[in-house]
């Protein structure tokens, strides 16, 4: 088997990059970083009071990147932190953060939902099924490195 990337995989990788670029462009239009966009998005979907580790888990970002973005959003008055158990800090939106979310994040979520539900139910399930299979196979193969 050739080690050269096949055309299907190259197209799959290009599509993934295109998807990432869509979200990057959305964040730019909002005037925020990609990680700030992700934090707003996760706070909206998980709800106020989630932990930094929840955000890291959901967006597959490292703790330092998320922590830097959280500190900036806190400084800018969009979020505030409350002490939880041990070193855990719960993250909450301020009124400015809620307004930003309503104006910018909720419309993105609505557009995502509309795009995904434009697929038939069988197509939605198939997209998820195949994506999971690919990711599990890739994880297995990358552990061999």
N, C-alpha and C. Protein backbone atom coordinates (compact mmCIF):
# COMPACT_ATOMS: atom_id res chain seq x y z
N UNK A 1 0.84 -1.19 0.00
CA UNK A 1 0.00 0.00 0.00
C UNK A 1 0.88 1.25 0.00
N UNK A 2 0.53 2.20 -0.79
CA UNK A 2 1.29 3.43 -0.91
C UNK A 2 1.13 4.29 0.33
N UNK A 3 2.20 4.97 0.74
CA UNK A 3 2.12 5.88 1.88
C UNK A 3 1.67 7.28 1.45
N UNK A 4 1.59 7.49 0.15
CA UNK A 4 1.14 8.79 -0.35
C UNK A 4 -0.35 8.96 -0.03
N UNK A 5 -0.74 10.15 0.39
CA UNK A 5 -2.12 10.42 0.74
C UNK A 5 -3.02 10.18 -0.46
N UNK A 6 -4.08 9.40 -0.25
CA UNK A 6 -4.97 9.17 -1.38
C UNK A 6 -5.90 10.37 -1.58
N UNK A 7 -6.50 10.43 -2.74
CA UNK A 7 -7.32 11.58 -3.11
C UNK A 7 -8.52 11.77 -2.19
N UNK A 8 -9.13 10.67 -1.74
CA UNK A 8 -10.29 10.78 -0.85
C UNK A 8 -9.89 11.39 0.50
N UNK A 9 -8.78 10.93 1.05
CA UNK A 9 -8.32 11.46 2.33
C UNK A 9 -7.92 12.93 2.19
N UNK A 10 -7.29 13.28 1.10
CA UNK A 10 -6.91 14.66 0.87
C UNK A 10 -8.17 15.55 0.80
N UNK A 11 -9.20 15.07 0.14
CA UNK A 11 -10.45 15.82 0.07
C UNK A 11 -11.11 15.91 1.43
N UNK A 12 -11.09 14.83 2.19
CA UNK A 12 -11.64 14.83 3.55
C UNK A 12 -10.91 15.87 4.41
N UNK A 13 -9.59 15.89 4.34
CA UNK A 13 -8.79 16.85 5.11
C UNK A 13 -9.07 18.28 4.66
N UNK A 14 -9.27 18.48 3.37
CA UNK A 14 -9.59 19.80 2.86
C UNK A 14 -10.95 20.27 3.40
N UNK A 15 -11.91 19.36 3.43
CA UNK A 15 -13.23 19.69 3.97
C UNK A 15 -13.16 20.05 5.45
N UNK A 16 -12.36 19.31 6.19
CA UNK A 16 -12.19 19.62 7.61
C UNK A 16 -11.58 21.01 7.80
N UNK A 17 -10.58 21.33 6.97
CA UNK A 17 -9.96 22.66 7.02
C UNK A 17 -10.98 23.74 6.65
N UNK A 18 -11.80 23.46 5.66
CA UNK A 18 -12.83 24.43 5.26
C UNK A 18 -13.80 24.68 6.40
N UNK A 19 -14.19 23.64 7.10
CA UNK A 19 -15.09 23.77 8.25
C UNK A 19 -14.43 24.62 9.34
N UNK A 20 -13.17 24.34 9.65
CA UNK A 20 -12.45 25.14 10.64
C UNK A 20 -12.34 26.60 10.22
N UNK A 21 -12.11 26.82 8.94
CA UNK A 21 -12.01 28.18 8.41
C UNK A 21 -13.34 28.93 8.53
N UNK A 22 -14.45 28.23 8.35
CA UNK A 22 -15.76 28.86 8.51
C UNK A 22 -15.91 29.43 9.91
N UNK A 23 -15.57 28.64 10.91
CA UNK A 23 -15.68 29.10 12.30
C UNK A 23 -14.67 30.21 12.60
N UNK A 24 -13.49 30.11 12.03
CA UNK A 24 -12.49 31.17 12.22
C UNK A 24 -13.01 32.49 11.66
N UNK A 25 -13.59 32.44 10.46
CA UNK A 25 -14.14 33.64 9.84
C UNK A 25 -15.29 34.23 10.66
N UNK A 26 -16.12 33.36 11.23
CA UNK A 26 -17.23 33.83 12.08
C UNK A 26 -16.66 34.55 13.30
N UNK A 27 -15.66 33.97 13.94
CA UNK A 27 -15.04 34.59 15.11
C UNK A 27 -14.43 35.95 14.74
N UNK A 28 -13.76 36.00 13.59
CA UNK A 28 -13.17 37.27 13.13
C UNK A 28 -14.24 38.35 12.95
N UNK A 29 -15.36 37.96 12.35
CA UNK A 29 -16.45 38.93 12.14
C UNK A 29 -17.00 39.45 13.47
N UNK A 30 -16.92 38.61 14.51
CA UNK A 30 -17.39 39.01 15.84
C UNK A 30 -16.33 39.83 16.58
N UNK A 31 -15.11 39.83 16.05
CA UNK A 31 -14.03 40.57 16.69
C UNK A 31 -13.40 39.84 17.86
N UNK A 32 -13.49 38.51 17.86
CA UNK A 32 -12.92 37.72 18.96
C UNK A 32 -12.03 36.62 18.39
N UNK A 33 -11.23 36.03 19.27
CA UNK A 33 -10.37 34.93 18.87
C UNK A 33 -11.18 33.65 18.71
N UNK A 34 -10.58 32.68 18.06
CA UNK A 34 -11.23 31.37 17.90
C UNK A 34 -11.53 30.75 19.26
N UNK A 35 -10.58 30.85 20.19
CA UNK A 35 -10.79 30.23 21.50
C UNK A 35 -11.87 30.98 22.29
N UNK A 36 -11.93 32.30 22.16
CA UNK A 36 -13.01 33.05 22.82
C UNK A 36 -14.36 32.65 22.25
N UNK A 37 -14.43 32.49 20.92
CA UNK A 37 -15.67 32.02 20.30
C UNK A 37 -16.07 30.67 20.90
N UNK A 38 -15.11 29.77 21.01
CA UNK A 38 -15.39 28.43 21.54
C UNK A 38 -15.87 28.50 22.98
N UNK A 39 -15.30 29.39 23.77
CA UNK A 39 -15.72 29.53 25.17
C UNK A 39 -17.15 30.04 25.24
N UNK A 40 -17.46 31.07 24.49
CA UNK A 40 -18.85 31.56 24.44
C UNK A 40 -19.80 30.44 24.01
N UNK A 41 -19.41 29.72 22.98
CA UNK A 41 -20.23 28.65 22.43
C UNK A 41 -20.50 27.58 23.49
N UNK A 42 -19.46 27.15 24.18
CA UNK A 42 -19.61 26.10 25.19
C UNK A 42 -20.40 26.61 26.39
N UNK A 43 -20.17 27.85 26.80
CA UNK A 43 -20.97 28.41 27.89
C UNK A 43 -22.45 28.45 27.52
N UNK A 44 -22.73 28.72 26.26
CA UNK A 44 -24.12 28.72 25.82
C UNK A 44 -24.68 27.29 25.81
N UNK A 45 -23.93 26.35 25.26
CA UNK A 45 -24.47 24.99 25.12
C UNK A 45 -24.48 24.21 26.43
N UNK A 46 -23.45 24.38 27.28
CA UNK A 46 -23.42 23.66 28.56
C UNK A 46 -24.12 24.44 29.66
N UNK A 47 -24.16 25.75 29.53
CA UNK A 47 -24.80 26.58 30.53
C UNK A 47 -23.79 27.21 31.49
N UNK A 48 -24.23 28.28 32.11
CA UNK A 48 -23.41 28.97 33.11
C UNK A 48 -22.94 28.00 34.18
N UNK A 49 -21.75 28.25 34.67
CA UNK A 49 -21.23 27.47 35.78
C UNK A 49 -20.37 26.30 35.38
N UNK A 50 -20.14 26.12 34.09
CA UNK A 50 -19.28 25.01 33.69
C UNK A 50 -17.85 25.32 34.10
N UNK A 51 -17.03 24.31 34.09
CA UNK A 51 -15.64 24.43 34.52
C UNK A 51 -14.72 24.58 33.32
N UNK A 52 -13.52 25.11 33.58
CA UNK A 52 -12.52 25.23 32.52
C UNK A 52 -12.22 23.87 31.91
N UNK A 53 -12.15 22.83 32.73
CA UNK A 53 -11.86 21.50 32.20
C UNK A 53 -12.98 21.01 31.28
N UNK A 54 -14.22 21.44 31.54
CA UNK A 54 -15.34 21.09 30.65
C UNK A 54 -15.12 21.72 29.27
N UNK A 55 -14.68 22.97 29.28
CA UNK A 55 -14.44 23.68 28.02
C UNK A 55 -13.29 23.01 27.27
N UNK A 56 -12.20 22.71 27.97
CA UNK A 56 -11.05 22.04 27.35
C UNK A 56 -11.49 20.74 26.69
N UNK A 57 -12.30 19.97 27.41
CA UNK A 57 -12.77 18.69 26.91
C UNK A 57 -13.63 18.87 25.66
N UNK A 58 -14.53 19.81 25.71
CA UNK A 58 -15.48 20.02 24.60
C UNK A 58 -14.82 20.53 23.33
N UNK A 59 -13.80 21.38 23.47
CA UNK A 59 -13.20 21.99 22.27
C UNK A 59 -11.83 21.40 21.94
N UNK A 60 -11.39 20.41 22.70
CA UNK A 60 -10.10 19.76 22.46
C UNK A 60 -8.96 20.77 22.44
N UNK A 61 -8.98 21.70 23.39
CA UNK A 61 -7.93 22.71 23.49
C UNK A 61 -7.15 22.48 24.78
N UNK A 62 -5.91 22.93 24.79
CA UNK A 62 -5.12 22.75 26.00
C UNK A 62 -5.51 23.78 27.06
N UNK A 63 -5.18 23.44 28.28
CA UNK A 63 -5.57 24.24 29.44
C UNK A 63 -5.03 25.67 29.38
N UNK A 64 -3.79 25.82 28.91
CA UNK A 64 -3.17 27.14 28.86
C UNK A 64 -3.90 28.08 27.89
N UNK A 65 -4.26 27.56 26.72
CA UNK A 65 -4.98 28.36 25.72
C UNK A 65 -6.33 28.82 26.27
N UNK A 66 -7.06 27.87 26.84
CA UNK A 66 -8.38 28.19 27.39
C UNK A 66 -8.25 29.17 28.55
N UNK A 67 -7.28 28.93 29.43
CA UNK A 67 -7.08 29.81 30.58
C UNK A 67 -6.77 31.24 30.13
N UNK A 68 -5.92 31.40 29.12
CA UNK A 68 -5.60 32.73 28.61
C UNK A 68 -6.85 33.43 28.07
N UNK A 69 -7.66 32.69 27.33
CA UNK A 69 -8.88 33.28 26.77
C UNK A 69 -9.88 33.62 27.87
N UNK A 70 -9.97 32.76 28.87
CA UNK A 70 -10.88 33.03 30.00
C UNK A 70 -10.45 34.31 30.71
N UNK A 71 -9.16 34.45 30.95
CA UNK A 71 -8.65 35.66 31.63
C UNK A 71 -8.97 36.91 30.81
N UNK A 72 -8.81 36.84 29.50
CA UNK A 72 -9.11 38.00 28.66
C UNK A 72 -10.60 38.31 28.67
N UNK A 73 -11.44 37.28 28.56
CA UNK A 73 -12.88 37.51 28.59
C UNK A 73 -13.33 38.06 29.94
N UNK A 74 -12.67 37.62 31.01
CA UNK A 74 -12.98 38.14 32.34
C UNK A 74 -12.57 39.62 32.42
N UNK A 75 -11.37 39.93 31.95
CA UNK A 75 -10.86 41.31 31.94
C UNK A 75 -11.77 42.22 31.11
N UNK A 76 -12.31 41.69 30.00
CA UNK A 76 -13.18 42.47 29.12
C UNK A 76 -14.61 42.56 29.64
N UNK A 77 -14.90 41.89 30.75
CA UNK A 77 -16.22 42.00 31.38
C UNK A 77 -17.29 41.08 30.82
N UNK A 78 -16.89 40.03 30.11
CA UNK A 78 -17.87 39.11 29.53
C UNK A 78 -18.20 37.92 30.45
N UNK A 79 -17.25 37.56 31.30
CA UNK A 79 -17.46 36.42 32.20
C UNK A 79 -16.93 36.77 33.58
N UNK A 80 -17.36 35.99 34.56
CA UNK A 80 -16.77 36.06 35.89
C UNK A 80 -16.64 34.64 36.41
N UNK A 81 -15.76 34.47 37.38
CA UNK A 81 -15.46 33.15 37.92
C UNK A 81 -15.91 33.08 39.37
N UNK A 82 -16.37 31.89 39.77
CA UNK A 82 -16.71 31.61 41.16
C UNK A 82 -15.95 30.37 41.59
N UNK A 83 -15.40 30.43 42.79
CA UNK A 83 -14.64 29.30 43.31
C UNK A 83 -15.56 28.10 43.52
N UNK A 84 -15.09 26.93 43.08
CA UNK A 84 -15.80 25.68 43.30
C UNK A 84 -15.00 24.82 44.28
N UNK A 85 -15.12 23.52 44.14
CA UNK A 85 -14.35 22.60 44.99
C UNK A 85 -12.88 22.64 44.62
N UNK A 86 -12.04 22.64 45.62
CA UNK A 86 -10.60 22.60 45.37
C UNK A 86 -10.16 23.74 44.47
N UNK A 87 -9.52 23.39 43.37
CA UNK A 87 -9.04 24.41 42.43
C UNK A 87 -10.04 24.72 41.33
N UNK A 88 -11.18 24.05 41.33
CA UNK A 88 -12.20 24.27 40.31
C UNK A 88 -12.78 25.67 40.41
N UNK A 89 -12.92 26.30 39.24
CA UNK A 89 -13.60 27.59 39.17
C UNK A 89 -14.71 27.48 38.15
N UNK A 90 -15.89 27.91 38.56
CA UNK A 90 -17.05 27.89 37.67
C UNK A 90 -17.08 29.20 36.89
N UNK A 91 -17.44 29.09 35.62
CA UNK A 91 -17.42 30.24 34.71
C UNK A 91 -18.86 30.65 34.41
N UNK A 92 -19.13 31.93 34.56
CA UNK A 92 -20.46 32.48 34.33
C UNK A 92 -20.39 33.67 33.39
N UNK A 93 -21.42 33.85 32.60
CA UNK A 93 -21.53 35.03 31.75
C UNK A 93 -22.01 36.22 32.56
N UNK A 94 -21.43 37.38 32.30
CA UNK A 94 -21.95 38.63 32.85
C UNK A 94 -23.12 39.07 31.96
N UNK A 95 -23.72 40.17 32.30
CA UNK A 95 -24.79 40.71 31.45
C UNK A 95 -24.24 41.02 30.05
N UNK A 96 -23.05 41.58 29.97
CA UNK A 96 -22.42 41.84 28.66
C UNK A 96 -22.18 40.54 27.91
N UNK A 97 -21.77 39.51 28.63
CA UNK A 97 -21.54 38.20 28.03
C UNK A 97 -22.83 37.60 27.50
N UNK A 98 -23.90 37.77 28.26
CA UNK A 98 -25.21 37.26 27.80
C UNK A 98 -25.68 38.00 26.55
N UNK A 99 -25.49 39.30 26.53
CA UNK A 99 -25.88 40.08 25.36
C UNK A 99 -25.06 39.68 24.13
N UNK A 100 -23.75 39.48 24.34
CA UNK A 100 -22.89 39.05 23.24
C UNK A 100 -23.35 37.69 22.72
N UNK A 101 -23.66 36.79 23.63
CA UNK A 101 -24.11 35.45 23.25
C UNK A 101 -25.41 35.51 22.46
N UNK A 102 -26.34 36.30 22.94
CA UNK A 102 -27.62 36.42 22.23
C UNK A 102 -27.45 37.00 20.83
N UNK A 103 -26.58 37.98 20.71
CA UNK A 103 -26.38 38.65 19.42
C UNK A 103 -25.56 37.82 18.45
N UNK A 104 -24.55 37.11 18.95
CA UNK A 104 -23.58 36.47 18.06
C UNK A 104 -23.58 34.94 18.08
N UNK A 105 -23.67 34.35 19.25
CA UNK A 105 -23.50 32.89 19.37
C UNK A 105 -24.78 32.14 19.03
N UNK A 106 -25.88 32.58 19.57
CA UNK A 106 -27.16 31.89 19.32
C UNK A 106 -27.47 31.81 17.82
N UNK A 107 -27.28 32.89 17.05
CA UNK A 107 -27.52 32.76 15.60
C UNK A 107 -26.63 31.71 14.93
N UNK A 108 -25.39 31.57 15.38
CA UNK A 108 -24.51 30.55 14.81
C UNK A 108 -25.05 29.16 15.11
N UNK A 109 -25.47 28.94 16.35
CA UNK A 109 -26.03 27.64 16.74
C UNK A 109 -27.29 27.34 15.93
N UNK A 110 -28.11 28.34 15.73
CA UNK A 110 -29.33 28.16 14.94
C UNK A 110 -28.99 27.80 13.49
N UNK A 111 -27.99 28.44 12.92
CA UNK A 111 -27.57 28.13 11.53
C UNK A 111 -27.00 26.71 11.45
N UNK A 112 -26.22 26.33 12.46
CA UNK A 112 -25.69 24.96 12.50
C UNK A 112 -26.83 23.94 12.53
N UNK A 113 -27.79 24.20 13.41
CA UNK A 113 -28.93 23.29 13.51
C UNK A 113 -29.68 23.20 12.19
N UNK A 114 -29.87 24.34 11.54
CA UNK A 114 -30.58 24.35 10.26
C UNK A 114 -29.80 23.57 9.20
N UNK A 115 -28.47 23.75 9.18
CA UNK A 115 -27.65 23.04 8.19
C UNK A 115 -27.68 21.53 8.45
N UNK A 116 -27.57 21.15 9.71
CA UNK A 116 -27.53 19.72 10.04
C UNK A 116 -28.89 19.07 9.80
N UNK A 117 -29.95 19.74 10.18
CA UNK A 117 -31.28 19.15 10.00
C UNK A 117 -31.76 19.24 8.55
N UNK A 118 -31.00 19.91 7.69
CA UNK A 118 -31.33 19.87 6.27
C UNK A 118 -30.98 18.49 5.69
N UNK A 119 -30.13 17.77 6.40
CA UNK A 119 -29.86 16.38 6.03
C UNK A 119 -31.01 15.52 6.52
N UNK A 120 -31.31 14.47 5.76
CA UNK A 120 -32.32 13.52 6.24
C UNK A 120 -31.79 12.84 7.49
N UNK A 121 -32.68 12.33 8.32
CA UNK A 121 -32.29 11.68 9.56
C UNK A 121 -31.28 10.56 9.31
N UNK A 122 -31.48 9.79 8.27
CA UNK A 122 -30.56 8.71 7.94
C UNK A 122 -29.18 9.26 7.60
N UNK A 123 -29.14 10.40 6.90
CA UNK A 123 -27.87 11.01 6.54
C UNK A 123 -27.15 11.55 7.78
N UNK A 124 -27.91 12.14 8.70
CA UNK A 124 -27.33 12.63 9.96
C UNK A 124 -26.66 11.48 10.71
N UNK A 125 -27.40 10.38 10.84
CA UNK A 125 -26.88 9.21 11.55
C UNK A 125 -25.66 8.64 10.84
N UNK A 126 -25.69 8.59 9.53
CA UNK A 126 -24.58 8.04 8.76
C UNK A 126 -23.33 8.92 8.87
N UNK A 127 -23.52 10.23 8.83
CA UNK A 127 -22.40 11.15 8.99
C UNK A 127 -21.73 10.94 10.34
N UNK A 128 -22.51 10.85 11.38
CA UNK A 128 -21.97 10.61 12.72
C UNK A 128 -21.32 9.24 12.83
N UNK A 129 -21.98 8.24 12.30
CA UNK A 129 -21.46 6.86 12.38
C UNK A 129 -20.11 6.75 11.70
N UNK A 130 -20.00 7.26 10.49
CA UNK A 130 -18.75 7.16 9.75
C UNK A 130 -17.64 8.03 10.37
N UNK A 131 -18.02 9.19 10.87
CA UNK A 131 -17.03 10.05 11.53
C UNK A 131 -16.44 9.37 12.76
N UNK A 132 -17.30 8.73 13.54
CA UNK A 132 -16.83 8.01 14.74
C UNK A 132 -15.90 6.86 14.36
N UNK A 133 -16.26 6.12 13.34
CA UNK A 133 -15.42 5.00 12.89
C UNK A 133 -14.05 5.52 12.45
N UNK A 134 -14.04 6.58 11.65
CA UNK A 134 -12.79 7.14 11.17
C UNK A 134 -11.92 7.61 12.34
N UNK A 135 -12.50 8.33 13.28
CA UNK A 135 -11.74 8.86 14.42
C UNK A 135 -11.17 7.72 15.27
N UNK A 136 -11.96 6.70 15.52
CA UNK A 136 -11.46 5.56 16.31
C UNK A 136 -10.32 4.85 15.59
N UNK A 137 -10.47 4.66 14.29
CA UNK A 137 -9.40 4.04 13.51
C UNK A 137 -8.14 4.89 13.52
N UNK A 138 -8.30 6.20 13.39
CA UNK A 138 -7.15 7.09 13.40
C UNK A 138 -6.46 7.07 14.76
N UNK A 139 -7.24 7.08 15.83
CA UNK A 139 -6.65 7.00 17.18
C UNK A 139 -5.80 5.75 17.32
N UNK A 140 -6.33 4.63 16.88
CA UNK A 140 -5.62 3.37 16.97
C UNK A 140 -4.31 3.43 16.19
N UNK A 141 -4.37 3.94 14.97
CA UNK A 141 -3.18 4.01 14.13
C UNK A 141 -2.14 4.98 14.69
N UNK A 142 -2.59 6.10 15.24
CA UNK A 142 -1.65 7.09 15.77
C UNK A 142 -0.98 6.62 17.06
N UNK A 143 -1.61 5.72 17.77
CA UNK A 143 -0.97 5.15 18.97
C UNK A 143 0.25 4.31 18.59
N UNK A 144 0.30 3.87 17.36
CA UNK A 144 1.41 3.04 16.89
C UNK A 144 2.66 3.87 16.62
N UNK A 145 2.53 5.16 16.57
CA UNK A 145 3.67 6.02 16.25
C UNK A 145 4.57 6.14 17.47
